[in-house]
PDB file of N, CA and C in Angstrom:
ATOM      1  N   MET A   1     104.415 114.775  84.138  1.00  0.00           N
ATOM      2  CA  MET A   1     104.864 115.092  85.490  1.00  0.00           C
ATOM      3  C   MET A   1     104.292 114.042  86.442  1.00  0.00           C
ATOM      4  N   THR A   2     105.104 113.673  87.419  1.00  0.00           N
ATOM      5  CA  THR A   2     104.715 112.711  88.448  1.00  0.00           C
ATOM      6  C   THR A   2     104.565 113.452  89.765  1.00  0.00           C
ATOM      7  N   LYS A   3     103.433 113.232  90.443  1.00  0.00           N
ATOM      8  CA  LYS A   3     103.184 113.905  91.723  1.00  0.00           C
ATOM      9  C   LYS A   3     103.005 112.873  92.827  1.00  0.00           C
ATOM     10  N   THR A   4     103.526 113.200  94.000  1.00  0.00           N
ATOM     11  CA  THR A   4     103.311 112.380  95.194  1.00  0.00           C
ATOM     12  C   THR A   4     103.489 113.285  96.407  1.00  0.00           C
ATOM     13  N   THR A   5     103.294 112.745  97.581  1.00  0.00           N
ATOM     14  CA  THR A   5     103.461 113.510  98.814  1.00  0.00           C
ATOM     15  C   THR A   5     104.531 112.844  99.662  1.00  0.00           C
ATOM     16  N   VAL A   6     105.442 113.661 100.205  1.00  0.00           N
ATOM     17  CA  VAL A   6     106.530 113.133 101.027  1.00  0.00           C
ATOM     18  C   VAL A   6     106.500 113.763 102.409  1.00  0.00           C
ATOM     19  N   ASN A   7     107.142 113.077 103.343  1.00  0.00           N
ATOM     20  CA  ASN A   7     107.247 113.554 104.709  1.00  0.00           C
ATOM     21  C   ASN A   7     108.719 113.512 105.106  1.00  0.00           C
ATOM     22  N   LEU A   8     109.283 114.664 105.454  1.00  0.00           N
ATOM     23  CA  LEU A   8     110.694 114.772 105.842  1.00  0.00           C
ATOM     24  C   LEU A   8     110.745 115.362 107.243  1.00  0.00           C
ATOM     25  N   GLN A   9     110.762 114.490 108.244  1.00  0.00           N
ATOM     26  CA  GLN A   9     110.649 114.936 109.635  1.00  0.00           C
ATOM     27  C   GLN A   9     111.989 115.349 110.254  1.00  0.00           C
ATOM     28  N   ALA A  10     113.019 114.544 110.038  1.00  0.00           N
ATOM     29  CA  ALA A  10     114.294 114.761 110.735  1.00  0.00           C
ATOM     30  C   ALA A  10     115.349 115.346 109.797  1.00  0.00           C
ATOM     31  N   ILE A  11     116.370 115.928 110.373  1.00  0.00           N
ATOM     32  CA  ILE A  11     117.475 116.498 109.589  1.00  0.00           C
ATOM     33  C   ILE A  11     118.119 115.421 108.722  1.00  0.00           C
ATOM     34  N   ASN A  12     118.298 114.228 109.281  1.00  0.00           N
ATOM     35  CA  ASN A  12     118.903 113.145 108.509  1.00  0.00           C
ATOM     36  C   ASN A  12     118.016 112.714 107.339  1.00  0.00           C
ATOM     37  N   ASP A  13     116.692 112.802 107.506  1.00  0.00           N
ATOM     38  CA  ASP A  13     115.776 112.503 106.402  1.00  0.00           C
ATOM     39  C   ASP A  13     116.020 113.471 105.250  1.00  0.00           C
ATOM     40  N   VAL A  14     116.162 114.749 105.566  1.00  0.00           N
ATOM     41  CA  VAL A  14     116.378 115.767 104.529  1.00  0.00           C
ATOM     42  C   VAL A  14     117.695 115.515 103.810  1.00  0.00           C
ATOM     43  N   LYS A  15     118.754 115.223 104.566  1.00  0.00           N
ATOM     44  CA  LYS A  15     120.066 114.953 103.945  1.00  0.00           C
ATOM     45  C   LYS A  15     119.999 113.747 103.022  1.00  0.00           C
ATOM     46  N   GLU A  16     119.403 112.669 103.496  1.00  0.00           N
ATOM     47  CA  GLU A  16     119.299 111.456 102.686  1.00  0.00           C
ATOM     48  C   GLU A  16     118.447 111.708 101.440  1.00  0.00           C
ATOM     49  N   PHE A  17     117.340 112.430 101.614  1.00  0.00           N
ATOM     50  CA  PHE A  17     116.453 112.742 100.498  1.00  0.00           C
ATOM     51  C   PHE A  17     117.181 113.558  99.427  1.00  0.00           C
ATOM     52  N   VAL A  18     117.904 114.591  99.830  1.00  0.00           N
ATOM     53  CA  VAL A  18     118.640 115.440  98.868  1.00  0.00           C
ATOM     54  C   VAL A  18     119.714 114.626  98.154  1.00  0.00           C
ATOM     55  N   ASN A  19     120.403 113.743  98.863  1.00  0.00           N
ATOM     56  CA  ASN A  19     121.419 112.903  98.215  1.00  0.00           C
ATOM     57  C   ASN A  19     120.808 112.018  97.140  1.00  0.00           C
ATOM     58  N   ILE A  20     119.605 111.521  97.368  1.00  0.00           N
ATOM     59  CA  ILE A  20     118.920 110.702  96.366  1.00  0.00           C
ATOM     60  C   ILE A  20     118.491 111.574  95.183  1.00  0.00           C
ATOM     61  N   VAL A  21     117.876 112.711  95.480  1.00  0.00           N
ATOM     62  CA  VAL A  21     117.356 113.603  94.433  1.00  0.00           C
ATOM     63  C   VAL A  21     118.478 114.084  93.512  1.00  0.00           C
ATOM     64  N   MET A  22     119.660 114.327  94.062  1.00  0.00           N
ATOM     65  CA  MET A  22     120.794 114.839  93.273  1.00  0.00           C
ATOM     66  C   MET A  22     121.228 113.862  92.173  1.00  0.00           C
ATOM     67  N   LYS A  23     120.905 112.591  92.292  1.00  0.00           N
ATOM     68  CA  LYS A  23     121.300 111.591  91.300  1.00  0.00           C
ATOM     69  C   LYS A  23     120.530 111.726  89.987  1.00  0.00           C
ATOM     70  N   TYR A  24     119.386 112.412  90.023  1.00  0.00           N
ATOM     71  CA  TYR A  24     118.488 112.436  88.871  1.00  0.00           C
ATOM     72  C   TYR A  24     118.600 113.756  88.104  1.00  0.00           C
ATOM     73  N   ASP A  25     118.569 113.652  86.761  1.00  0.00           N
ATOM     74  CA  ASP A  25     118.760 114.816  85.896  1.00  0.00           C
ATOM     75  C   ASP A  25     117.521 115.697  85.763  1.00  0.00           C
ATOM     76  N   PHE A  26     116.334 115.121  85.966  1.00  0.00           N
ATOM     77  CA  PHE A  26     115.119 115.916  85.778  1.00  0.00           C
ATOM     78  C   PHE A  26     114.862 116.823  86.975  1.00  0.00           C
ATOM     79  N   ASP A  27     114.050 117.857  86.745  1.00  0.00           N
ATOM     80  CA  ASP A  27     113.710 118.804  87.811  1.00  0.00           C
ATOM     81  C   ASP A  27     112.717 118.177  88.782  1.00  0.00           C
ATOM     82  N   ILE A  28     112.927 118.450  90.056  1.00  0.00           N
ATOM     83  CA  ILE A  28     112.041 117.960  91.111  1.00  0.00           C
ATOM     84  C   ILE A  28     111.753 119.137  92.034  1.00  0.00           C
ATOM     85  N   ASP A  29     110.475 119.433  92.216  1.00  0.00           N
ATOM     86  CA  ASP A  29     110.072 120.549  93.066  1.00  0.00           C
ATOM     87  C   ASP A  29     109.324 120.032  94.283  1.00  0.00           C
ATOM     88  N   LEU A  30     109.449 120.766  95.380  1.00  0.00           N
ATOM     89  CA  LEU A  30     108.651 120.512  96.570  1.00  0.00           C
ATOM     90  C   LEU A  30     107.731 121.714  96.761  1.00  0.00           C
ATOM     91  N   VAL A  31     106.446 121.449  96.966  1.00  0.00           N
ATOM     92  CA  VAL A  31     105.452 122.515  97.087  1.00  0.00           C
ATOM     93  C   VAL A  31     104.785 122.412  98.453  1.00  0.00           C
ATOM     94  N   SER A  32     104.857 123.513  99.199  1.00  0.00           N
ATOM     95  CA  SER A  32     104.219 123.581 100.514  1.00  0.00           C
ATOM     96  C   SER A  32     103.467 124.905 100.577  1.00  0.00           C
ATOM     97  N   GLY A  33     102.137 124.820 100.570  1.00  0.00           N
ATOM     98  CA  GLY A  33     101.334 126.049 100.547  1.00  0.00           C
ATOM     99  C   GLY A  33     101.573 126.786  99.247  1.00  0.00           C
ATOM    100  N   ARG A  34     101.995 128.041  99.345  1.00  0.00           N
ATOM    101  CA  ARG A  34     102.252 128.815  98.125  1.00  0.00           C
ATOM    102  C   ARG A  34     103.735 128.848  97.753  1.00  0.00           C
ATOM    103  N   TYR A  35     104.544 128.083  98.453  1.00  0.00           N
ATOM    104  CA  TYR A  35     105.980 128.051  98.178  1.00  0.00           C
ATOM    105  C   TYR A  35     106.347 126.803  97.375  1.00  0.00           C
ATOM    106  N   ALA A  36     107.143 126.998  96.338  1.00  0.00           N
ATOM    107  CA  ALA A  36     107.679 125.882  95.553  1.00  0.00           C
ATOM    108  C   ALA A  36     109.186 126.053  95.517  1.00  0.00           C
ATOM    109  N   ILE A  37     109.911 125.004  95.918  1.00  0.00           N
ATOM    110  CA  ILE A  37     111.373 125.098  95.944  1.00  0.00           C
ATOM    111  C   ILE A  37     111.971 123.903  95.200  1.00  0.00           C
ATOM    112  N   ASP A  38     113.217 124.058  94.797  1.00  0.00           N
ATOM    113  CA  ASP A  38     113.964 122.992  94.129  1.00  0.00           C
ATOM    114  C   ASP A  38     114.313 121.932  95.172  1.00  0.00           C
ATOM    115  N   ALA A  39     113.937 120.675  94.906  1.00  0.00           N
ATOM    116  CA  ALA A  39     114.190 119.601  95.869  1.00  0.00           C
ATOM    117  C   ALA A  39     115.670 119.282  96.017  1.00  0.00           C
ATOM    118  N   LYS A  40     116.508 119.827  95.145  1.00  0.00           N
ATOM    119  CA  LYS A  40     117.951 119.602  95.236  1.00  0.00           C
ATOM    120  C   LYS A  40     118.625 120.629  96.155  1.00  0.00           C
ATOM    121  N   SER A  41     117.841 121.562  96.684  1.00  0.00           N
ATOM    122  CA  SER A  41     118.361 122.614  97.553  1.00  0.00           C
ATOM    123  C   SER A  41     118.067 122.278  99.019  1.00  0.00           C
ATOM    124  N   ILE A  42     119.110 121.891  99.740  1.00  0.00           N
ATOM    125  CA  ILE A  42     118.921 121.525 101.151  1.00  0.00           C
ATOM    126  C   ILE A  42     118.450 122.733 101.965  1.00  0.00           C
ATOM    127  N   MET A  43     118.968 123.912 101.645  1.00  0.00           N
ATOM    128  CA  MET A  43     118.542 125.129 102.350  1.00  0.00           C
ATOM    129  C   MET A  43     117.083 125.458 102.029  1.00  0.00           C
ATOM    130  N   GLY A  44     116.701 125.240 100.780  1.00  0.00           N
ATOM    131  CA  GLY A  44     115.314 125.478 100.384  1.00  0.00           C
ATOM    132  C   GLY A  44     114.363 124.581 101.148  1.00  0.00           C
ATOM    133  N   ILE A  45     114.726 123.317 101.292  1.00  0.00           N
ATOM    134  CA  ILE A  45     113.873 122.374 102.020  1.00  0.00           C
ATOM    135  C   ILE A  45     113.710 122.803 103.479  1.00  0.00           C
ATOM    136  N   PHE A  46     114.798 123.264 104.088  1.00  0.00           N
ATOM    137  CA  PHE A  46     114.711 123.690 105.490  1.00  0.00           C
ATOM    138  C   PHE A  46     113.894 124.968 105.657  1.00  0.00           C
ATOM    139  N   SER A  47     113.622 125.687 104.551  1.00  0.00           N
ATOM    140  CA  SER A  47     112.789 126.886 104.647  1.00  0.00           C
ATOM    141  C   SER A  47     111.299 126.541 104.648  1.00  0.00           C
ATOM    142  N   LEU A  48     110.971 125.265 104.370  1.00  0.00           N
ATOM    143  CA  LEU A  48     109.577 124.829 104.353  1.00  0.00           C
ATOM    144  C   LEU A  48     109.131 124.368 105.737  1.00  0.00           C
ATOM    145  N   ASP A  49     107.821 124.274 105.915  1.00  0.00           N
ATOM    146  CA  ASP A  49     107.250 123.740 107.161  1.00  0.00           C
ATOM    147  C   ASP A  49     107.318 122.214 107.085  1.00  0.00           C
ATOM    148  N   LEU A  50     108.310 121.612 107.724  1.00  0.00           N
ATOM    149  CA  LEU A  50     108.523 120.169 107.639  1.00  0.00           C
ATOM    150  C   LEU A  50     107.632 119.374 108.593  1.00  0.00           C
ATOM    151  N   SER A  51     106.794 120.067 109.353  1.00  0.00           N
ATOM    152  CA  SER A  51     105.894 119.348 110.264  1.00  0.00           C
ATOM    153  C   SER A  51     104.702 118.757 109.506  1.00  0.00           C
ATOM    154  N   LYS A  52     104.496 119.187 108.263  1.00  0.00           N
ATOM    155  CA  LYS A  52     103.391 118.695 107.444  1.00  0.00           C
ATOM    156  C   LYS A  52     103.938 117.973 106.221  1.00  0.00           C
ATOM    157  N   PRO A  53     103.150 117.061 105.640  1.00  0.00           N
ATOM    158  CA  PRO A  53     103.567 116.436 104.375  1.00  0.00           C
ATOM    159  C   PRO A  53     103.714 117.490 103.275  1.00  0.00           C
ATOM    160  N   ILE A  54     104.624 117.239 102.334  1.00  0.00           N
ATOM    161  CA  ILE A  54     104.953 118.181 101.269  1.00  0.00           C
ATOM    162  C   ILE A  54     104.684 117.515  99.926  1.00  0.00           C
ATOM    163  N   GLN A  55     104.091 118.269  99.014  1.00  0.00           N
ATOM    164  CA  GLN A  55     103.833 117.739  97.673  1.00  0.00           C
ATOM    165  C   GLN A  55     105.127 117.745  96.866  1.00  0.00           C
ATOM    166  N   LEU A  56     105.401 116.635  96.186  1.00  0.00           N
ATOM    167  CA  LEU A  56     106.585 116.511  95.337  1.00  0.00           C
ATOM    168  C   LEU A  56     106.128 116.426  93.886  1.00  0.00           C
ATOM    169  N   ASN A  57     106.724 117.242  93.015  1.00  0.00           N
ATOM    170  CA  ASN A  57     106.456 117.214  91.579  1.00  0.00           C
ATOM    171  C   ASN A  57     107.752 116.868  90.860  1.00  0.00           C
ATOM    172  N   ALA A  58     107.792 115.706  90.236  1.00  0.00           N
ATOM    173  CA  ALA A  58     108.956 115.293  89.446  1.00  0.00           C
ATOM    174  C   ALA A  58     108.616 115.520  87.981  1.00  0.00           C
ATOM    175  N   HIS A  59     109.401 116.347  87.313  1.00  0.00           N
ATOM    176  CA  HIS A  59     109.122 116.728  85.929  1.00  0.00           C
ATOM    177  C   HIS A  59     109.686 115.696  84.958  1.00  0.00           C
ATOM    178  N   THR A  60     109.084 114.518  84.987  1.00  0.00           N
ATOM    179  CA  THR A  60     109.465 113.425  84.103  1.00  0.00           C
ATOM    180  C   THR A  60     108.293 112.450  84.012  1.00  0.00           C
ATOM    181  N   ASP A  61     108.263 111.696  82.938  1.00  0.00           N
ATOM    182  CA  ASP A  61     107.229 110.666  82.803  1.00  0.00           C
ATOM    183  C   ASP A  61     107.747 109.301  83.233  1.00  0.00           C
ATOM    184  N   ASN A  62     109.045 109.214  83.487  1.00  0.00           N
ATOM    185  CA  ASN A  62     109.658 107.939  83.845  1.00  0.00           C
ATOM    186  C   ASN A  62     110.316 108.059  85.219  1.00  0.00           C
ATOM    187  N   ALA A  63     109.501 108.106  86.252  1.00  0.00           N
ATOM    188  CA  ALA A  63     110.008 108.325  87.611  1.00  0.00           C
ATOM    189  C   ALA A  63     109.990 107.064  88.459  1.00  0.00           C
ATOM    190  N   ASP A  64     109.812 105.896  87.837  1.00  0.00           N
ATOM    191  CA  ASP A  64     109.670 104.660  88.614  1.00  0.00           C
ATOM    192  C   ASP A  64     110.866 104.382  89.521  1.00  0.00           C
ATOM    193  N   ALA A  65     112.076 104.475  88.982  1.00  0.00           N
ATOM    194  CA  ALA A  65     113.285 104.211  89.780  1.00  0.00           C
ATOM    195  C   ALA A  65     113.417 105.238  90.900  1.00  0.00           C
ATOM    196  N   PHE A  66     113.130 106.495  90.589  1.00  0.00           N
ATOM    197  CA  PHE A  66     113.195 107.562  91.584  1.00  0.00           C
ATOM    198  C   PHE A  66     112.194 107.312  92.712  1.00  0.00           C
ATOM    199  N   LEU A  67     110.954 107.003  92.360  1.00  0.00           N
ATOM    200  CA  LEU A  67     109.929 106.764  93.384  1.00  0.00           C
ATOM    201  C   LEU A  67     110.259 105.555  94.247  1.00  0.00           C
ATOM    202  N   LYS A  68     110.846 104.548  93.653  1.00  0.00           N
ATOM    203  CA  LYS A  68     111.249 103.360  94.415  1.00  0.00           C
ATOM    204  C   LYS A  68     112.337 103.731  95.427  1.00  0.00           C
ATOM    205  N   GLU A  69     113.258 104.615  95.002  1.00  0.00           N
ATOM    206  CA  GLU A  69     114.369 104.996  95.875  1.00  0.00           C
ATOM    207  C   GLU A  69     113.921 105.891  97.034  1.00  0.00           C
ATOM    208  N   ILE A  70     112.886 106.705  96.825  1.00  0.00           N
ATOM    209  CA  ILE A  70     112.402 107.589  97.905  1.00  0.00           C
ATOM    210  C   ILE A  70     111.179 107.016  98.620  1.00  0.00           C
ATOM    211  N   ASP A  71     110.903 105.744  98.422  1.00  0.00           N
ATOM    212  CA  ASP A  71     109.690 105.110  98.961  1.00  0.00           C
ATOM    213  C   ASP A  71     109.504 105.345 100.457  1.00  0.00           C
ATOM    214  N   LYS A  72     110.581 105.318 101.227  1.00  0.00           N
ATOM    215  CA  LYS A  72     110.438 105.467 102.684  1.00  0.00           C
ATOM    216  C   LYS A  72     109.951 106.858 103.098  1.00  0.00           C
ATOM    217  N   PHE A  73     110.061 107.842 102.195  1.00  0.00           N
ATOM    218  CA  PHE A  73     109.610 109.203 102.497  1.00  0.00           C
ATOM    219  C   PHE A  73     108.197 109.483 101.988  1.00  0.00           C
ATOM    220  N   ILE A  74     107.665 108.610 101.139  1.00  0.00           N
ATOM    221  CA  ILE A  74     106.354 108.835 100.527  1.00  0.00           C
ATOM    222  C   ILE A  74     105.247 108.549 101.550  1.00  0.00           C
ATOM    223  N   VAL A  75     104.293 109.487 101.639  1.00  0.00           N
ATOM    224  CA  VAL A  75     103.148 109.326 102.520  1.00  0.00           C
ATOM    225  C   VAL A  75     102.156 108.391 101.842  1.00  0.00           C
ATOM    226  N   LYS A  76     101.780 107.334 102.534  1.00  0.00           N
ATOM    227  CA  LYS A  76     100.881 106.343 101.938  1.00  0.00           C
ATOM    228  C   LYS A  76      99.494 106.453 102.506  1.00  0.00           C
TER     229      LYS A  76
END
């Protein structure tokens, strides 16, 4: 599993992020506090507190291309 932290501030960020995530076959979860939601669910993402960074768990060992594509959302 690959873990990182992302920040999705604006509505357009969420739309762009979901469009990228939908391209990948492996499961991707977003975890905020005690809530874990499917990153492919736009409604699920909007149910989270987007004012804070969110932990991303990609259930794959080969996430290099995915991480490169979502680089602008990753908290550094």
